């Protein structure tokens, strides 16, 4: 996604939090090789959809996973969870 490419990945663990199915990539059932093949073929067959996903993937990666944005989120989380003694 950071390279501006749609992602094809398994619909498991935290991956659906990263990839928005149909928007920034495609989610497939884990261990379903045929689903991964269909997803790759679908992207190959629809260049316009692929281009749109490509831009949205890059944008999501930049906005959601930027180092500064992540650091800010972690700091807010820790400040809310940890009481600092002075």
PDB file of N, CA and C in Angstrom:
ATOM      1  N   UNK A   1       0.826  -1.180   0.000  1.00  0.00           N
ATOM      2  CA  UNK A   1       0.000   0.000   0.000  1.00  0.00           C
ATOM      3  C   UNK A   1       0.874   1.248   0.000  1.00  0.00           C
ATOM      4  N   UNK A   2       1.946   1.232   0.767  1.00  0.00           N
ATOM      5  CA  UNK A   2       2.830   2.389   0.825  1.00  0.00           C
ATOM      6  C   UNK A   2       3.479   2.666  -0.528  1.00  0.00           C
ATOM      7  N   UNK A   3       3.586   1.644  -1.355  1.00  0.00           N
ATOM      8  CA  UNK A   3       4.143   1.805  -2.703  1.00  0.00           C
ATOM      9  C   UNK A   3       3.073   2.178  -3.717  1.00  0.00           C
ATOM     10  N   UNK A   4       1.849   2.374  -3.256  1.00  0.00           N
ATOM     11  CA  UNK A   4       0.760   2.747  -4.154  1.00  0.00           C
ATOM     12  C   UNK A   4       0.207   1.576  -4.926  1.00  0.00           C
ATOM     13  N   UNK A   5       0.162   0.434  -4.286  1.00  0.00           N
ATOM     14  CA  UNK A   5      -0.392  -0.759  -4.932  1.00  0.00           C
ATOM     15  C   UNK A   5      -1.496  -1.353  -4.079  1.00  0.00           C
ATOM     16  N   UNK A   6      -2.582  -1.814  -4.715  1.00  0.00           N
ATOM     17  CA  UNK A   6      -3.608  -2.511  -3.949  1.00  0.00           C
ATOM     18  C   UNK A   6      -3.033  -3.817  -3.398  1.00  0.00           C
ATOM     19  N   UNK A   7      -3.535  -4.220  -2.261  1.00  0.00           N
ATOM     20  CA  UNK A   7      -3.041  -5.413  -1.587  1.00  0.00           C
ATOM     21  C   UNK A   7      -4.073  -6.530  -1.706  1.00  0.00           C
ATOM     22  N   UNK A   8      -3.593  -7.725  -1.947  1.00  0.00           N
ATOM     23  CA  UNK A   8      -4.439  -8.916  -1.886  1.00  0.00           C
ATOM     24  C   UNK A   8      -3.922  -9.713  -0.700  1.00  0.00           C
ATOM     25  N   UNK A   9      -4.784  -9.903   0.293  1.00  0.00           N
ATOM     26  CA  UNK A   9      -4.331 -10.556   1.517  1.00  0.00           C
ATOM     27  C   UNK A   9      -5.439 -11.392   2.135  1.00  0.00           C
ATOM     28  N   UNK A  10      -5.073 -12.144   3.146  1.00  0.00           N
ATOM     29  CA  UNK A  10      -6.031 -13.007   3.843  1.00  0.00           C
ATOM     30  C   UNK A  10      -6.910 -12.171   4.777  1.00  0.00           C
ATOM     31  N   UNK A  11      -8.154 -12.543   4.859  1.00  0.00           N
ATOM     32  CA  UNK A  11      -9.127 -11.894   5.732  1.00  0.00           C
ATOM     33  C   UNK A  11      -9.016 -12.529   7.115  1.00  0.00           C
ATOM     34  N   UNK A  12      -7.946 -12.200   7.798  1.00  0.00           N
ATOM     35  CA  UNK A  12      -7.674 -12.803   9.094  1.00  0.00           C
ATOM     36  C   UNK A  12      -6.817 -11.867   9.937  1.00  0.00           C
ATOM     37  N   UNK A  13      -6.758 -12.139  11.208  1.00  0.00           N
ATOM     38  CA  UNK A  13      -5.939 -11.393  12.150  1.00  0.00           C
ATOM     39  C   UNK A  13      -6.293  -9.904  12.074  1.00  0.00           C
ATOM     40  N   UNK A  14      -5.311  -9.047  12.026  1.00  0.00           N
ATOM     41  CA  UNK A  14      -5.573  -7.606  11.973  1.00  0.00           C
ATOM     42  C   UNK A  14      -5.541  -7.067  10.547  1.00  0.00           C
ATOM     43  N   UNK A  15      -5.374  -7.927   9.560  1.00  0.00           N
ATOM     44  CA  UNK A  15      -5.285  -7.464   8.176  1.00  0.00           C
ATOM     45  C   UNK A  15      -6.521  -6.711   7.697  1.00  0.00           C
ATOM     46  N   UNK A  16      -7.737  -7.092   8.084  1.00  0.00           N
ATOM     47  CA  UNK A  16      -8.904  -6.293   7.676  1.00  0.00           C
ATOM     48  C   UNK A  16      -8.914  -4.881   8.269  1.00  0.00           C
ATOM     49  N   UNK A  17      -8.138  -4.645   9.317  1.00  0.00           N
ATOM     50  CA  UNK A  17      -8.008  -3.295   9.864  1.00  0.00           C
ATOM     51  C   UNK A  17      -7.108  -2.437   8.980  1.00  0.00           C
ATOM     52  N   UNK A  18      -6.251  -3.094   8.227  1.00  0.00           N
ATOM     53  CA  UNK A  18      -5.298  -2.383   7.375  1.00  0.00           C
ATOM     54  C   UNK A  18      -5.868  -2.201   5.970  1.00  0.00           C
ATOM     55  N   UNK A  19      -6.389  -3.272   5.415  1.00  0.00           N
ATOM     56  CA  UNK A  19      -6.888  -3.271   4.041  1.00  0.00           C
ATOM     57  C   UNK A  19      -8.405  -3.113   4.053  1.00  0.00           C
ATOM     58  N   UNK A  20      -8.895  -2.103   3.366  1.00  0.00           N
ATOM     59  CA  UNK A  20     -10.343  -1.914   3.218  1.00  0.00           C
ATOM     60  C   UNK A  20     -10.747  -2.664   1.958  1.00  0.00           C
ATOM     61  N   UNK A  21     -11.477  -3.755   2.153  1.00  0.00           N
ATOM     62  CA  UNK A  21     -11.833  -4.648   1.048  1.00  0.00           C
ATOM     63  C   UNK A  21     -12.559  -3.901  -0.063  1.00  0.00           C
ATOM     64  N   UNK A  22     -12.033  -4.019  -1.269  1.00  0.00           N
ATOM     65  CA  UNK A  22     -12.639  -3.379  -2.424  1.00  0.00           C
ATOM     66  C   UNK A  22     -12.240  -1.929  -2.603  1.00  0.00           C
ATOM     67  N   UNK A  23     -11.574  -1.343  -1.618  1.00  0.00           N
ATOM     68  CA  UNK A  23     -11.164   0.053  -1.681  1.00  0.00           C
ATOM     69  C   UNK A  23      -9.652   0.209  -1.795  1.00  0.00           C
ATOM     70  N   UNK A  24      -8.918  -0.452  -0.908  1.00  0.00           N
ATOM     71  CA  UNK A  24      -7.454  -0.360  -0.914  1.00  0.00           C
ATOM     72  C   UNK A  24      -6.808  -1.693  -1.244  1.00  0.00           C
ATOM     73  N   UNK A  25      -7.625  -2.703  -1.422  1.00  0.00           N
ATOM     74  CA  UNK A  25      -7.139  -4.041  -1.733  1.00  0.00           C
ATOM     75  C   UNK A  25      -8.287  -5.020  -1.679  1.00  0.00           C
ATOM     76  N   UNK A  26      -7.933  -6.282  -1.706  1.00  0.00           N
ATOM     77  CA  UNK A  26      -8.946  -7.338  -1.675  1.00  0.00           C
ATOM     78  C   UNK A  26      -8.604  -8.333  -0.578  1.00  0.00           C
ATOM     79  N   UNK A  27      -9.609  -8.712   0.185  1.00  0.00           N
ATOM     80  CA  UNK A  27      -9.444  -9.702   1.238  1.00  0.00           C
ATOM     81  C   UNK A  27      -9.959 -11.051   0.753  1.00  0.00           C
ATOM     82  N   UNK A  28      -9.205 -12.086   1.041  1.00  0.00           N
ATOM     83  CA  UNK A  28      -9.579 -13.441   0.637  1.00  0.00           C
ATOM     84  C   UNK A  28      -9.605 -14.347   1.857  1.00  0.00           C
ATOM     85  N   UNK A  29     -10.391 -15.390   1.771  1.00  0.00           N
ATOM     86  CA  UNK A  29     -10.422 -16.371   2.848  1.00  0.00           C
ATOM     87  C   UNK A  29      -9.029 -16.988   2.994  1.00  0.00           C
ATOM     88  N   UNK A  30      -8.582 -17.147   4.226  1.00  0.00           N
ATOM     89  CA  UNK A  30      -7.270 -17.757   4.438  1.00  0.00           C
ATOM     90  C   UNK A  30      -7.201 -19.142   3.796  1.00  0.00           C
ATOM     91  N   UNK A  31      -6.090 -19.447   3.223  1.00  0.00           N
ATOM     92  CA  UNK A  31      -5.825 -20.758   2.614  1.00  0.00           C
ATOM     93  C   UNK A  31      -6.700 -21.066   1.400  1.00  0.00           C
ATOM     94  N   UNK A  32      -7.403 -20.075   0.863  1.00  0.00           N
ATOM     95  CA  UNK A  32      -8.222 -20.298  -0.329  1.00  0.00           C
ATOM     96  C   UNK A  32      -7.449 -19.780  -1.545  1.00  0.00           C
ATOM     97  N   UNK A  33      -6.616 -20.620  -2.080  1.00  0.00           N
ATOM     98  CA  UNK A  33      -5.754 -20.237  -3.200  1.00  0.00           C
ATOM     99  C   UNK A  33      -6.583 -19.745  -4.380  1.00  0.00           C
ATOM    100  N   UNK A  34      -7.706 -20.391  -4.638  1.00  0.00           N
ATOM    101  CA  UNK A  34      -8.563 -19.991  -5.754  1.00  0.00           C
ATOM    102  C   UNK A  34      -9.081 -18.564  -5.568  1.00  0.00           C
ATOM    103  N   UNK A  35      -9.372 -18.176  -4.338  1.00  0.00           N
ATOM    104  CA  UNK A  35      -9.845 -16.815  -4.068  1.00  0.00           C
ATOM    105  C   UNK A  35      -8.745 -15.797  -4.365  1.00  0.00           C
ATOM    106  N   UNK A  36      -7.517 -16.128  -4.027  1.00  0.00           N
ATOM    107  CA  UNK A  36      -6.401 -15.230  -4.320  1.00  0.00           C
ATOM    108  C   UNK A  36      -6.203 -15.095  -5.830  1.00  0.00           C
ATOM    109  N   UNK A  37      -6.344 -16.190  -6.542  1.00  0.00           N
ATOM    110  CA  UNK A  37      -6.217 -16.169  -8.000  1.00  0.00           C
ATOM    111  C   UNK A  37      -7.325 -15.312  -8.605  1.00  0.00           C
ATOM    112  N   UNK A  38      -8.563 -15.494  -8.143  1.00  0.00           N
ATOM    113  CA  UNK A  38      -9.689 -14.695  -8.641  1.00  0.00           C
ATOM    114  C   UNK A  38      -9.462 -13.210  -8.366  1.00  0.00           C
ATOM    115  N   UNK A  39      -8.951 -12.897  -7.195  1.00  0.00           N
ATOM    116  CA  UNK A  39      -8.696 -11.504  -6.839  1.00  0.00           C
ATOM    117  C   UNK A  39      -7.649 -10.888  -7.767  1.00  0.00           C
ATOM    118  N   UNK A  40      -6.574 -11.609  -8.007  1.00  0.00           N
ATOM    119  CA  UNK A  40      -5.525 -11.095  -8.898  1.00  0.00           C
ATOM    120  C   UNK A  40      -6.057 -10.921 -10.316  1.00  0.00           C
ATOM    121  N   UNK A  41      -6.835 -11.877 -10.770  1.00  0.00           N
ATOM    122  CA  UNK A  41      -7.408 -11.777 -12.116  1.00  0.00           C
ATOM    123  C   UNK A  41      -8.408 -10.635 -12.207  1.00  0.00           C
ATOM    124  N   UNK A  42      -9.180 -10.416 -11.158  1.00  0.00           N
ATOM    125  CA  UNK A  42     -10.160  -9.329 -11.161  1.00  0.00           C
ATOM    126  C   UNK A  42      -9.461  -7.977 -11.258  1.00  0.00           C
ATOM    127  N   UNK A  43      -8.379  -7.810 -10.517  1.00  0.00           N
ATOM    128  CA  UNK A  43      -7.636  -6.551 -10.601  1.00  0.00           C
ATOM    129  C   UNK A  43      -6.998  -6.377 -11.970  1.00  0.00           C
ATOM    130  N   UNK A  44      -6.494  -7.461 -12.515  1.00  0.00           N
ATOM    131  CA  UNK A  44      -5.870  -7.403 -13.837  1.00  0.00           C
ATOM    132  C   UNK A  44      -6.892  -7.052 -14.924  1.00  0.00           C
ATOM    133  N   UNK A  45      -8.102  -7.553 -14.773  1.00  0.00           N
ATOM    134  CA  UNK A  45      -9.137  -7.361 -15.791  1.00  0.00           C
ATOM    135  C   UNK A  45      -9.767  -5.967 -15.749  1.00  0.00           C
ATOM    136  N   UNK A  46      -9.706  -5.302 -14.613  1.00  0.00           N
ATOM    137  CA  UNK A  46     -10.368  -4.006 -14.467  1.00  0.00           C
ATOM    138  C   UNK A  46      -9.342  -2.933 -14.117  1.00  0.00           C
ATOM    139  N   UNK A  47      -8.715  -2.392 -15.144  1.00  0.00           N
ATOM    140  CA  UNK A  47      -7.656  -1.409 -14.955  1.00  0.00           C
ATOM    141  C   UNK A  47      -8.110  -0.156 -14.233  1.00  0.00           C
ATOM    142  N   UNK A  48      -9.319   0.304 -14.493  1.00  0.00           N
ATOM    143  CA  UNK A  48      -9.821   1.509 -13.826  1.00  0.00           C
ATOM    144  C   UNK A  48      -9.986   1.275 -12.320  1.00  0.00           C
ATOM    145  N   UNK A  49     -10.536   0.125 -11.976  1.00  0.00           N
ATOM    146  CA  UNK A  49     -10.696  -0.205 -10.559  1.00  0.00           C
ATOM    147  C   UNK A  49      -9.326  -0.316  -9.894  1.00  0.00           C
ATOM    148  N   UNK A  50      -8.393  -0.946 -10.581  1.00  0.00           N
ATOM    149  CA  UNK A  50      -7.037  -1.089 -10.062  1.00  0.00           C
ATOM    150  C   UNK A  50      -6.408   0.281  -9.826  1.00  0.00           C
ATOM    151  N   UNK A  51      -6.563   1.199 -10.781  1.00  0.00           N
ATOM    152  CA  UNK A  51      -5.993   2.532 -10.621  1.00  0.00           C
ATOM    153  C   UNK A  51      -6.604   3.270  -9.429  1.00  0.00           C
ATOM    154  N   UNK A  52      -7.911   3.158  -9.273  1.00  0.00           N
ATOM    155  CA  UNK A  52      -8.564   3.793  -8.133  1.00  0.00           C
ATOM    156  C   UNK A  52      -8.101   3.213  -6.814  1.00  0.00           C
ATOM    157  N   UNK A  53      -8.004   1.885  -6.768  1.00  0.00           N
ATOM    158  CA  UNK A  53      -7.526   1.223  -5.555  1.00  0.00           C
ATOM    159  C   UNK A  53      -6.088   1.629  -5.257  1.00  0.00           C
ATOM    160  N   UNK A  54      -5.320   1.779  -6.306  1.00  0.00           N
ATOM    161  CA  UNK A  54      -3.920   2.142  -6.161  1.00  0.00           C
ATOM    162  C   UNK A  54      -3.782   3.479  -5.430  1.00  0.00           C
ATOM    163  N   UNK A  55      -4.528   4.465  -5.873  1.00  0.00           N
ATOM    164  CA  UNK A  55      -4.478   5.781  -5.226  1.00  0.00           C
ATOM    165  C   UNK A  55      -4.993   5.747  -3.801  1.00  0.00           C
ATOM    166  N   UNK A  56      -6.076   5.037  -3.577  1.00  0.00           N
ATOM    167  CA  UNK A  56      -6.644   4.957  -2.224  1.00  0.00           C
ATOM    168  C   UNK A  56      -5.724   4.184  -1.280  1.00  0.00           C
ATOM    169  N   UNK A  57      -5.041   3.160  -1.809  1.00  0.00           N
ATOM    170  CA  UNK A  57      -4.108   2.389  -0.984  1.00  0.00           C
ATOM    171  C   UNK A  57      -2.961   3.275  -0.515  1.00  0.00           C
ATOM    172  N   UNK A  58      -2.400   4.034  -1.414  1.00  0.00           N
ATOM    173  CA  UNK A  58      -1.290   4.931  -1.065  1.00  0.00           C
ATOM    174  C   UNK A  58      -1.739   5.987  -0.062  1.00  0.00           C
ATOM    175  N   UNK A  59      -2.913   6.548  -0.307  1.00  0.00           N
ATOM    176  CA  UNK A  59      -3.429   7.581   0.591  1.00  0.00           C
ATOM    177  C   UNK A  59      -3.667   7.011   1.990  1.00  0.00           C
ATOM    178  N   UNK A  60      -4.270   5.832   2.066  1.00  0.00           N
ATOM    179  CA  UNK A  60      -4.531   5.220   3.373  1.00  0.00           C
ATOM    180  C   UNK A  60      -3.231   4.915   4.104  1.00  0.00           C
ATOM    181  N   UNK A  61      -2.263   4.390   3.387  1.00  0.00           N
ATOM    182  CA  UNK A  61      -0.974   4.085   4.021  1.00  0.00           C
ATOM    183  C   UNK A  61      -0.323   5.357   4.549  1.00  0.00           C
ATOM    184  N   UNK A  62      -0.361   6.409   3.760  1.00  0.00           N
ATOM    185  CA  UNK A  62       0.275   7.658   4.174  1.00  0.00           C
ATOM    186  C   UNK A  62      -0.435   8.291   5.371  1.00  0.00           C
ATOM    187  N   UNK A  63      -1.756   8.266   5.369  1.00  0.00           N
ATOM    188  CA  UNK A  63      -2.504   8.905   6.450  1.00  0.00           C
ATOM    189  C   UNK A  63      -2.579   8.055   7.710  1.00  0.00           C
ATOM    190  N   UNK A  64      -2.718   6.756   7.541  1.00  0.00           N
ATOM    191  CA  UNK A  64      -2.958   5.877   8.675  1.00  0.00           C
ATOM    192  C   UNK A  64      -1.682   5.366   9.318  1.00  0.00           C
ATOM    193  N   UNK A  65      -0.660   5.141   8.518  1.00  0.00           N
ATOM    194  CA  UNK A  65       0.536   4.478   9.028  1.00  0.00           C
ATOM    195  C   UNK A  65       1.786   5.349   8.976  1.00  0.00           C
ATOM    196  N   UNK A  66       1.603   6.644   8.801  1.00  0.00           N
ATOM    197  CA  UNK A  66       2.714   7.584   8.843  1.00  0.00           C
ATOM    198  C   UNK A  66       3.363   7.518  10.227  1.00  0.00           C
ATOM    199  N   UNK A  67       4.676   7.570  10.286  1.00  0.00           N
ATOM    200  CA  UNK A  67       5.383   7.443  11.566  1.00  0.00           C
ATOM    201  C   UNK A  67       4.951   8.510  12.570  1.00  0.00           C
ATOM    202  N   UNK A  68       4.786   9.730  12.120  1.00  0.00           N
ATOM    203  CA  UNK A  68       4.379  10.795  13.049  1.00  0.00           C
ATOM    204  C   UNK A  68       2.964  10.573  13.558  1.00  0.00           C
ATOM    205  N   UNK A  69       2.078  10.167  12.663  1.00  0.00           N
ATOM    206  CA  UNK A  69       0.699   9.915  13.083  1.00  0.00           C
ATOM    207  C   UNK A  69       0.648   8.766  14.081  1.00  0.00           C
ATOM    208  N   UNK A  70       1.410   7.703  13.820  1.00  0.00           N
ATOM    209  CA  UNK A  70       1.438   6.572  14.745  1.00  0.00           C
ATOM    210  C   UNK A  70       2.029   6.971  16.097  1.00  0.00           C
ATOM    211  N   UNK A  71       3.091   7.737  16.074  1.00  0.00           N
ATOM    212  CA  UNK A  71       3.704   8.179  17.326  1.00  0.00           C
ATOM    213  C   UNK A  71       2.722   9.026  18.130  1.00  0.00           C
ATOM    214  N   UNK A  72       2.024   9.923  17.467  1.00  0.00           N
ATOM    215  CA  UNK A  72       1.021  10.738  18.160  1.00  0.00           C
ATOM    216  C   UNK A  72      -0.057   9.868  18.790  1.00  0.00           C
ATOM    217  N   UNK A  73      -0.518   8.864  18.063  1.00  0.00           N
ATOM    218  CA  UNK A  73      -1.550   7.962  18.611  1.00  0.00           C
ATOM    219  C   UNK A  73      -1.025   7.190  19.816  1.00  0.00           C
ATOM    220  N   UNK A  74       0.204   6.685  19.711  1.00  0.00           N
ATOM    221  CA  UNK A  74       0.787   5.951  20.843  1.00  0.00           C
ATOM    222  C   UNK A  74       0.943   6.858  22.057  1.00  0.00           C
ATOM    223  N   UNK A  75       1.403   8.064  21.854  1.00  0.00           N
ATOM    224  CA  UNK A  75       1.565   8.982  22.972  1.00  0.00           C
ATOM    225  C   UNK A  75       0.237   9.283  23.650  1.00  0.00           C
ATOM    226  N   UNK A  76      -0.795   9.522  22.842  1.00  0.00           N
ATOM    227  CA  UNK A  76      -2.121   9.773  23.425  1.00  0.00           C
ATOM    228  C   UNK A  76      -2.607   8.547  24.196  1.00  0.00           C
ATOM    229  N   UNK A  77      -2.383   7.381  23.648  1.00  0.00           N
ATOM    230  CA  UNK A  77      -2.793   6.148  24.325  1.00  0.00           C
ATOM    231  C   UNK A  77      -2.063   5.998  25.648  1.00  0.00           C
ATOM    232  N   UNK A  78      -0.752   6.139  25.623  1.00  0.00           N
ATOM    233  CA  UNK A  78       0.032   5.964  26.846  1.00  0.00           C
ATOM    234  C   UNK A  78      -0.285   7.025  27.880  1.00  0.00           C
ATOM    235  N   UNK A  79      -0.492   8.253  27.449  1.00  0.00           N
ATOM    236  CA  UNK A  79      -0.807   9.312  28.396  1.00  0.00           C
ATOM    237  C   UNK A  79      -2.154   9.059  29.064  1.00  0.00           C
ATOM    238  N   UNK A  80      -3.067   8.435  28.364  1.00  0.00           N
ATOM    239  CA  UNK A  80      -4.363   8.133  28.935  1.00  0.00           C
ATOM    240  C   UNK A  80      -4.344   6.896  29.826  1.00  0.00           C
ATOM    241  N   UNK A  81      -3.397   6.001  29.598  1.00  0.00           N
ATOM    242  CA  UNK A  81      -3.360   4.729  30.317  1.00  0.00           C
ATOM    243  C   UNK A  81      -2.360   4.740  31.481  1.00  0.00           C
ATOM    244  N   UNK A  82      -1.334   5.554  31.390  1.00  0.00           N
ATOM    245  CA  UNK A  82      -0.273   5.544  32.381  1.00  0.00           C
ATOM    246  C   UNK A  82      -0.304   6.856  33.164  1.00  0.00           C
ATOM    247  N   UNK A  83      -0.297   6.740  34.459  1.00  0.00           N
ATOM    248  CA  UNK A  83      -0.246   7.944  35.297  1.00  0.00           C
ATOM    249  C   UNK A  83       1.231   8.254  35.571  1.00  0.00           C
ATOM    250  N   UNK A  84       1.614   9.463  35.199  1.00  0.00           N
ATOM    251  CA  UNK A  84       2.989   9.866  35.395  1.00  0.00           C
ATOM    252  C   UNK A  84       3.105  10.550  36.747  1.00  0.00           C
ATOM    253  N   UNK A  85       4.086  10.127  37.541  1.00  0.00           N
ATOM    254  CA  UNK A  85       4.299  10.791  38.827  1.00  0.00           C
ATOM    255  C   UNK A  85       5.416  11.808  38.670  1.00  0.00           C
ATOM    256  N   UNK A  86       5.225  12.935  39.295  1.00  0.00           N
ATOM    257  CA  UNK A  86       6.232  14.004  39.206  1.00  0.00           C
ATOM    258  C   UNK A  86       6.962  14.137  40.495  1.00  0.00           C
TER     259      UNK A  86
END
